[in-house]
């Protein structure tokens, strides 16, 4: 099949949607399909290289790295027409997503729609808290209208499916968690050697247990909960035993760095900034515990990446993680800032045999997110979309 994947974010940007679309893109090509990415660009001109079609977009500075393109681009349209597409797979609601809907309609080809992002959690970037109720209603209506135009809808998790139903979408919803290549995260001797070089390059202390937060640093990710919780932990524990590192960048970084200064934790909390996607696995490998407090995820790929890396996971409980993390068996939940300190203490002081058991359980559990499972599920959805479009 000739398949165009429309997304407003793609590598080298590091976020769940970009990684998910790249995983799908590579997997389809690996299995003999002609897959194409249609995404935004910071450049002024439309470009098409290595099956990636980039359309100029306006940078949304408050969303760090995101670009919003116009809903139609004549040059891109001509390129897509020449590709004789069989199907459009849309992964965003806005400029690029609208362009995808236009392309599918004009070419009379089926549309698959994956709902990745609960945009209600992002309205504060535009409203600053004003007209919040109205803006959330408008987002829900817009999302519903977009999904109702698709032949098939994909949700990456049960929680997201429930949300989609709650806003009034009455179509059948396929639950298809994104699959990924586990081998990138396996701690082989060669990988671990490279990880130690990265550790030295970024001047991460040798003698401390490393706590890792990784991803886009934004308000909806609730990294402030981690910082406050860690601050409480350090009040009753030796400050020389642990260090918290943030890998990634985003609009909330400056305010979090200010919070760290206010709490006088500059020696214990370090912001390493944006790194290339190829280096991400090595930061998992050098760390002892992966931390996350976000309750805005639709799937949480970073959790699975950490588990594939044999890294202990401690995260704030969210319904979205039911089925991904089994508390005390494949990872650990905390409830709030006050609970964080006790849970972190418990995780760090597990004996080695208990840690090994948790890591093995976690690795075994992610088989449901293998590339093979993902590919088979996606192809079934594509086939249904084609039948519905006849």
Protein backbone atom coordinates (compact mmCIF):
# COMPACT_ATOMS: atom_id res chain seq x y z
CA UNK A 1 0.00 0.00 0.00
CA UNK A 2 0.94 3.64 -0.48
CA UNK A 3 0.28 5.33 2.85
CA UNK A 4 0.72 8.96 3.92
CA UNK A 5 1.12 9.65 7.64
CA UNK A 6 0.11 13.22 8.54
CA UNK A 7 1.59 14.63 11.76
CA UNK A 8 2.42 18.14 12.97
CA UNK A 9 5.46 16.87 14.91
CA UNK A 10 8.22 14.54 13.77
CA UNK A 11 11.88 13.75 14.44
CA UNK A 12 14.21 15.31 15.45
CA UNK A 13 11.53 16.57 17.86
CA UNK A 14 11.28 14.23 20.86
CA UNK A 15 7.74 13.59 22.05
CA UNK A 16 5.29 10.72 22.05
CA UNK A 17 3.54 11.61 18.79
CA UNK A 18 6.80 12.13 16.86
CA UNK A 19 8.22 8.81 18.11
CA UNK A 20 4.94 6.98 17.46
CA UNK A 21 4.72 8.26 13.87
CA UNK A 22 8.35 7.42 13.20
CA UNK A 23 7.82 3.90 14.56
CA UNK A 24 4.83 3.42 12.25
CA UNK A 25 6.66 4.92 9.26
CA UNK A 26 9.66 2.60 9.62
CA UNK A 27 7.56 -0.45 10.38
CA UNK A 28 5.39 -0.03 7.29
CA UNK A 29 8.44 0.38 5.08
CA UNK A 30 10.11 -2.62 6.68
CA UNK A 31 7.08 -4.69 5.68
CA UNK A 32 7.14 -3.64 2.05
CA UNK A 33 4.72 -0.69 2.00
CA UNK A 34 5.44 2.73 0.54
CA UNK A 35 5.04 4.98 3.58
CA UNK A 36 5.40 8.76 3.61
CA UNK A 37 5.51 11.30 6.43
CA UNK A 38 3.75 14.64 5.89
CA UNK A 39 4.78 17.09 8.59
CA UNK A 40 5.74 20.69 9.37
CA UNK A 41 9.05 22.44 8.93
CA UNK A 42 10.86 25.46 10.33
CA UNK A 43 12.18 26.16 6.82
CA UNK A 44 10.49 28.56 4.41
CA UNK A 45 10.18 26.12 1.54
CA UNK A 46 8.35 22.83 1.10
CA UNK A 47 10.77 19.90 0.80
CA UNK A 48 10.48 16.20 -0.02
CA UNK A 49 13.40 13.95 0.90
CA UNK A 50 13.68 10.31 2.00
CA UNK A 51 9.88 9.93 1.93
CA UNK A 52 9.42 12.86 4.34
CA UNK A 53 7.38 15.79 3.02
CA UNK A 54 7.92 18.92 5.12
CA UNK A 55 5.59 21.91 4.87
CA UNK A 56 6.52 25.37 6.24
CA UNK A 57 4.80 26.24 9.49
CA UNK A 58 4.58 29.03 12.03
CA UNK A 59 6.55 28.23 15.20
CA UNK A 60 4.42 28.06 18.33
CA UNK A 61 7.01 29.23 20.85
CA UNK A 62 4.86 28.44 23.86
CA UNK A 63 4.63 24.82 22.71
CA UNK A 64 8.38 24.51 22.09
CA UNK A 65 9.35 23.03 18.75
CA UNK A 66 5.82 22.78 17.38
CA UNK A 67 4.93 24.43 14.08
CA UNK A 68 1.46 25.16 12.77
CA UNK A 69 1.10 24.93 9.01
CA UNK A 70 -1.68 26.29 6.78
CA UNK A 71 -4.35 23.70 5.97
CA UNK A 72 -3.40 23.57 2.29
CA UNK A 73 -0.12 23.60 0.40
CA UNK A 74 -0.24 23.45 -3.40
CA UNK A 75 3.25 22.04 -3.93
CA UNK A 76 2.74 19.35 -1.29
CA UNK A 77 -0.66 18.52 -2.82
CA UNK A 78 0.92 17.95 -6.25
CA UNK A 79 3.62 15.72 -4.76
CA UNK A 80 1.05 13.65 -2.87
CA UNK A 81 -1.10 13.30 -5.99
CA UNK A 82 1.88 11.84 -7.86
CA UNK A 83 2.34 9.16 -5.18
CA UNK A 84 -0.97 7.43 -6.00
CA UNK A 85 -1.90 7.07 -2.34
CA UNK A 86 -4.15 4.25 -1.11
CA UNK A 87 -4.78 5.62 2.37
CA UNK A 88 -4.26 8.65 4.61
CA UNK A 89 -3.40 8.19 8.29
CA UNK A 90 -3.92 11.39 10.29
CA UNK A 91 -2.26 11.93 13.67
CA UNK A 92 -3.16 15.54 14.42
CA UNK A 93 -6.24 17.76 14.39
CA UNK A 94 -4.84 21.08 13.21
CA UNK A 95 -3.10 22.41 10.04
CA UNK A 96 -1.46 19.21 8.84
CA UNK A 97 -4.47 17.17 9.97
CA UNK A 98 -6.88 19.36 8.02
CA UNK A 99 -4.63 19.08 4.98
CA UNK A 100 -4.79 15.29 5.36
CA UNK A 101 -8.59 15.37 5.39
CA UNK A 102 -8.61 17.53 2.24
CA UNK A 103 -6.19 15.15 0.48
CA UNK A 104 -8.27 12.09 1.40
CA UNK A 105 -11.46 13.77 0.22
CA UNK A 106 -10.02 14.99 -3.09
CA UNK A 107 -8.31 11.66 -3.86
CA UNK A 108 -11.38 9.71 -2.67
CA UNK A 109 -9.25 7.44 -0.48
CA UNK A 110 -9.89 6.12 3.06
CA UNK A 111 -8.88 7.96 6.21
CA UNK A 112 -7.60 6.47 9.47
CA UNK A 113 -7.45 8.84 12.42
CA UNK A 114 -5.32 8.28 15.54
CA UNK A 115 -6.24 10.47 18.52
CA UNK A 116 -2.96 11.08 20.35
CA UNK A 117 -3.41 14.25 22.37
CA UNK A 118 -6.09 15.39 24.81
CA UNK A 119 -5.98 19.03 23.80
CA UNK A 120 -8.21 20.04 26.70
CA UNK A 121 -5.04 19.73 28.80
CA UNK A 122 -3.33 22.35 26.63
CA UNK A 123 -5.88 25.17 26.43
CA UNK A 124 -4.04 27.27 29.04
CA UNK A 125 -1.33 28.02 26.48
CA UNK A 126 -3.86 30.08 24.54
CA UNK A 127 -6.38 31.21 27.15
CA UNK A 128 -4.17 31.91 30.19
CA UNK A 129 -7.07 30.57 32.26
CA UNK A 130 -9.71 32.87 30.73
CA UNK A 131 -12.76 31.43 28.97
CA UNK A 132 -11.45 28.01 29.97
CA UNK A 133 -14.84 26.30 29.95
CA UNK A 134 -15.69 27.62 26.51
CA UNK A 135 -12.28 26.77 25.04
CA UNK A 136 -12.51 23.19 26.29
CA UNK A 137 -15.98 22.86 24.79
CA UNK A 138 -14.72 24.23 21.46
CA UNK A 139 -11.81 21.77 21.45
CA UNK A 140 -14.14 18.84 22.12
CA UNK A 141 -16.46 19.86 19.27
CA UNK A 142 -13.54 20.33 16.89
CA UNK A 143 -12.03 16.95 17.81
CA UNK A 144 -15.40 15.26 17.35
CA UNK A 145 -15.92 16.83 13.92
CA UNK A 146 -12.46 15.69 12.78
CA UNK A 147 -12.92 12.11 13.94
CA UNK A 148 -16.39 11.82 12.45
CA UNK A 149 -14.87 12.41 9.01
CA UNK A 150 -12.59 9.36 9.31
CA UNK A 151 -13.36 5.82 8.13
CA UNK A 152 -11.61 4.31 11.16
CA UNK A 153 -10.52 5.76 14.50
CA UNK A 154 -7.58 4.54 16.59
CA UNK A 155 -7.11 5.14 20.30
CA UNK A 156 -3.76 4.19 21.86
CA UNK A 157 -5.38 3.28 25.21
CA UNK A 158 -8.65 2.43 26.95
CA UNK A 159 -8.61 5.76 28.82
CA UNK A 160 -8.43 7.69 25.55
CA UNK A 161 -11.22 5.56 24.05
CA UNK A 162 -13.47 6.44 27.00
CA UNK A 163 -12.68 10.13 26.49
CA UNK A 164 -13.44 9.93 22.76
CA UNK A 165 -16.80 8.32 23.52
CA UNK A 166 -17.53 10.94 26.20
CA UNK A 167 -17.29 13.84 23.72
CA UNK A 168 -19.92 12.25 21.50
CA UNK A 169 -18.02 10.25 18.87
CA UNK A 170 -20.28 7.31 18.05
CA UNK A 171 -18.08 5.40 15.63
CA UNK A 172 -16.25 2.17 16.45
CA UNK A 173 -12.89 2.90 18.12
CA UNK A 174 -9.92 0.57 17.68
CA UNK A 175 -7.52 0.35 20.64
CA UNK A 176 -4.05 -0.01 19.12
CA UNK A 177 -1.13 0.83 21.45
CA UNK A 178 1.93 2.04 19.56
CA UNK A 179 4.59 -0.61 19.13
CA UNK A 180 8.29 0.12 19.18
CA UNK A 181 11.65 -1.50 18.55
CA UNK A 182 12.82 -2.93 21.89
CA UNK A 183 16.33 -3.60 20.59
CA UNK A 184 17.22 0.11 20.78
CA UNK A 185 16.87 -0.07 24.54
CA UNK A 186 18.52 -3.38 25.36
CA UNK A 187 21.51 -2.96 27.65
CA UNK A 188 24.12 -4.81 25.59
CA UNK A 189 27.80 -4.50 26.43
CA UNK A 190 28.33 -2.19 23.46
CA UNK A 191 25.33 -0.02 24.36
CA UNK A 192 26.36 0.23 28.00
CA UNK A 193 29.89 1.26 27.04
CA UNK A 194 28.43 4.08 24.97
CA UNK A 195 26.10 5.00 27.85
CA UNK A 196 29.07 5.42 30.19
CA UNK A 197 30.71 7.73 27.65
CA UNK A 198 27.52 9.82 27.57
CA UNK A 199 27.51 9.92 31.36
CA UNK A 200 31.05 11.28 31.37
CA UNK A 201 30.33 13.75 28.56
CA UNK A 202 27.40 15.26 30.47
CA UNK A 203 29.39 15.29 33.75
CA UNK A 204 26.89 13.12 35.62
CA UNK A 205 28.38 12.03 38.97
CA UNK A 206 29.69 8.46 39.16
CA UNK A 207 28.84 7.80 42.79
CA UNK A 208 25.17 8.83 42.88
CA UNK A 209 21.95 7.01 42.08
CA UNK A 210 20.41 8.67 39.07
CA UNK A 211 16.73 9.60 38.90
CA UNK A 212 15.55 10.34 35.37
CA UNK A 213 12.81 12.59 33.99
CA UNK A 214 12.72 12.53 30.20
CA UNK A 215 10.55 14.27 27.64
CA UNK A 216 9.06 17.61 26.73
CA UNK A 217 9.25 19.95 29.72
CA UNK A 218 5.79 21.48 29.83
CA UNK A 219 3.16 22.35 32.42
CA UNK A 220 0.87 19.43 31.57
CA UNK A 221 3.70 16.98 32.36
CA UNK A 222 3.59 18.02 36.06
CA UNK A 223 7.36 17.92 36.58
CA UNK A 224 6.86 20.38 39.46
CA UNK A 225 5.23 17.51 41.38
CA UNK A 226 8.44 15.49 40.97
CA UNK A 227 10.61 18.41 42.10
CA UNK A 228 8.52 19.12 45.21
CA UNK A 229 8.33 15.43 46.03
CA UNK A 230 12.08 15.02 45.62
CA UNK A 231 12.64 18.10 47.80
CA UNK A 232 10.64 16.42 50.57
CA UNK A 233 12.65 13.24 50.09
CA UNK A 234 15.96 15.08 50.50
CA UNK A 235 14.84 16.59 53.81
CA UNK A 236 15.22 13.17 55.42
CA UNK A 237 17.90 11.59 53.23
CA UNK A 238 21.55 12.17 52.38
CA UNK A 239 21.79 14.68 49.53
CA UNK A 240 24.98 13.04 48.28
CA UNK A 241 23.27 9.75 47.46
CA UNK A 242 21.04 10.81 44.55
CA UNK A 243 20.75 13.23 41.65
CA UNK A 244 17.71 14.05 39.51
CA UNK A 245 18.38 14.74 35.83
CA UNK A 246 15.96 16.23 33.30
CA UNK A 247 16.56 15.23 29.68
CA UNK A 248 14.59 17.35 27.23
CA UNK A 249 13.46 20.93 26.84
CA UNK A 250 10.26 22.89 26.64
CA UNK A 251 8.28 25.98 27.66
CA UNK A 252 8.23 25.14 31.38
CA UNK A 253 11.98 24.67 31.78
CA UNK A 254 12.75 28.23 32.94
CA UNK A 255 10.07 28.18 35.65
CA UNK A 256 11.21 24.77 36.87
CA UNK A 257 14.83 25.94 37.02
CA UNK A 258 13.62 28.90 39.10
CA UNK A 259 11.76 26.50 41.41
CA UNK A 260 14.95 24.47 41.85
CA UNK A 261 16.82 27.65 42.87
CA UNK A 262 14.08 28.59 45.35
CA UNK A 263 14.35 25.15 46.94
CA UNK A 264 18.19 25.41 46.92
CA UNK A 265 18.54 22.13 45.06
CA UNK A 266 20.93 23.19 42.28
CA UNK A 267 23.41 20.48 43.32
CA UNK A 268 20.79 17.76 43.18
CA UNK A 269 18.68 18.64 40.15
CA UNK A 270 20.26 19.17 36.72
CA UNK A 271 18.65 20.15 33.40
CA UNK A 272 20.62 18.63 30.53
CA UNK A 273 18.49 20.13 27.75
CA UNK A 274 17.48 18.69 24.42
CA UNK A 275 19.34 15.64 23.11
CA UNK A 276 19.10 13.80 19.80
CA UNK A 277 16.69 10.89 19.60
CA UNK A 278 19.61 8.49 18.99
CA UNK A 279 21.03 9.30 22.45
CA UNK A 280 17.81 8.78 24.40
CA UNK A 281 18.35 5.04 25.12
CA UNK A 282 21.68 5.75 26.80
CA UNK A 283 20.12 8.03 29.40
CA UNK A 284 17.76 5.24 30.38
CA UNK A 285 20.72 2.88 30.67
CA UNK A 286 22.74 5.01 33.09
CA UNK A 287 19.76 5.75 35.35
CA UNK A 288 18.40 3.87 38.37
CA UNK A 289 14.75 5.05 38.47
CA UNK A 290 12.51 6.62 35.84
CA UNK A 291 10.12 9.22 37.30
CA UNK A 292 6.93 10.63 35.82
CA UNK A 293 4.00 12.57 37.31
CA UNK A 294 2.01 13.31 34.15
CA UNK A 295 -1.67 12.44 34.01
CA UNK A 296 -2.15 13.85 30.50
CA UNK A 297 -0.62 10.94 28.57
CA UNK A 298 -2.69 8.97 26.07
CA UNK A 299 -0.33 6.01 26.16
CA UNK A 300 3.02 6.82 27.75
CA UNK A 301 5.71 5.48 25.42
CA UNK A 302 8.48 6.66 27.73
CA UNK A 303 7.22 4.29 30.44
CA UNK A 304 7.61 1.34 28.08
CA UNK A 305 10.99 2.55 26.86
CA UNK A 306 12.17 2.67 30.48
CA UNK A 307 10.84 -0.84 31.13
CA UNK A 308 12.57 -2.13 27.99
CA UNK A 309 15.79 -0.59 29.34
CA UNK A 310 15.51 -2.58 32.60
CA UNK A 311 14.91 0.63 34.50
CA UNK A 312 12.68 0.78 37.58
CA UNK A 313 9.62 2.99 37.01
CA UNK A 314 7.96 5.21 39.62
CA UNK A 315 5.05 7.27 38.35
CA UNK A 316 1.90 9.01 39.53
CA UNK A 317 -1.17 6.83 39.26
CA UNK A 318 -3.38 7.44 36.25
CA UNK A 319 -6.09 5.24 34.72
CA UNK A 320 -4.20 5.40 31.45
CA UNK A 321 -1.42 3.30 32.97
CA UNK A 322 -3.65 0.41 34.00
CA UNK A 323 -2.48 -2.45 31.82
CA UNK A 324 0.89 -0.79 31.24
CA UNK A 325 2.17 -0.87 34.82
CA UNK A 326 1.17 -3.45 37.43
CA UNK A 327 1.85 -1.80 40.80
CA UNK A 328 4.63 -3.52 42.79
CA UNK A 329 5.08 -6.11 40.03
CA UNK A 330 6.30 -4.26 36.94
CA UNK A 331 6.66 -0.77 38.43
CA UNK A 332 5.42 1.50 41.18
CA UNK A 333 2.75 4.16 41.62
CA UNK A 334 2.69 7.16 43.93
CA UNK A 335 -0.44 9.20 44.62
CA UNK A 336 0.79 12.73 45.35
CA UNK A 337 3.74 14.85 46.52
CA UNK A 338 3.51 13.57 50.07
CA UNK A 339 3.42 9.94 48.98
CA UNK A 340 6.36 10.37 46.58
CA UNK A 341 9.08 10.48 49.26
CA UNK A 342 8.07 7.18 50.86
CA UNK A 343 7.71 5.41 47.52
CA UNK A 344 11.07 6.65 46.24
CA UNK A 345 12.72 5.51 49.47
CA UNK A 346 11.11 2.08 49.07
CA UNK A 347 12.18 1.68 45.43
CA UNK A 348 15.76 2.78 46.02
CA UNK A 349 16.17 0.40 48.97
CA UNK A 350 14.86 -2.76 47.33
CA UNK A 351 17.39 -5.58 47.47
CA UNK A 352 18.98 -6.62 44.20
CA UNK A 353 16.94 -9.81 43.78
CA UNK A 354 13.68 -7.85 44.21
CA UNK A 355 14.85 -5.24 41.69
CA UNK A 356 15.80 -7.94 39.18
CA UNK A 357 12.40 -9.58 39.53
CA UNK A 358 10.58 -6.28 38.93
CA UNK A 359 12.74 -5.52 35.89
CA UNK A 360 12.16 -8.97 34.41
CA UNK A 361 8.41 -8.76 34.99
CA UNK A 362 8.38 -5.34 33.34
CA UNK A 363 10.32 -6.52 30.31
CA UNK A 364 8.04 -9.53 29.87
CA UNK A 365 4.93 -7.33 30.10
CA UNK A 366 5.83 -5.08 27.17
CA UNK A 367 5.51 -7.89 24.63
CA UNK A 368 1.99 -6.56 23.94
CA UNK A 369 3.70 -3.44 22.56
CA UNK A 370 6.01 -5.30 20.18
CA UNK A 371 6.41 -4.14 16.59
CA UNK A 372 4.85 -7.36 15.28
CA UNK A 373 1.68 -6.93 17.35
CA UNK A 374 1.45 -3.25 16.41
CA UNK A 375 1.90 -3.95 12.70
CA UNK A 376 -0.73 -6.70 12.60
CA UNK A 377 -3.27 -4.50 14.41
CA UNK A 378 -2.59 -1.48 12.18
CA UNK A 379 -2.95 -3.47 8.96
CA UNK A 380 -6.32 -4.83 10.14
CA UNK A 381 -7.53 -1.26 10.76
CA UNK A 382 -6.26 -0.17 7.34
CA UNK A 383 -8.11 -3.05 5.64
CA UNK A 384 -11.37 -2.12 7.42
CA UNK A 385 -10.93 1.53 6.40
CA UNK A 386 -10.52 0.50 2.75
CA UNK A 387 -13.63 -1.70 2.91
CA UNK A 388 -15.66 1.12 4.49
CA UNK A 389 -14.56 3.48 1.74
CA UNK A 390 -15.72 1.24 -1.14
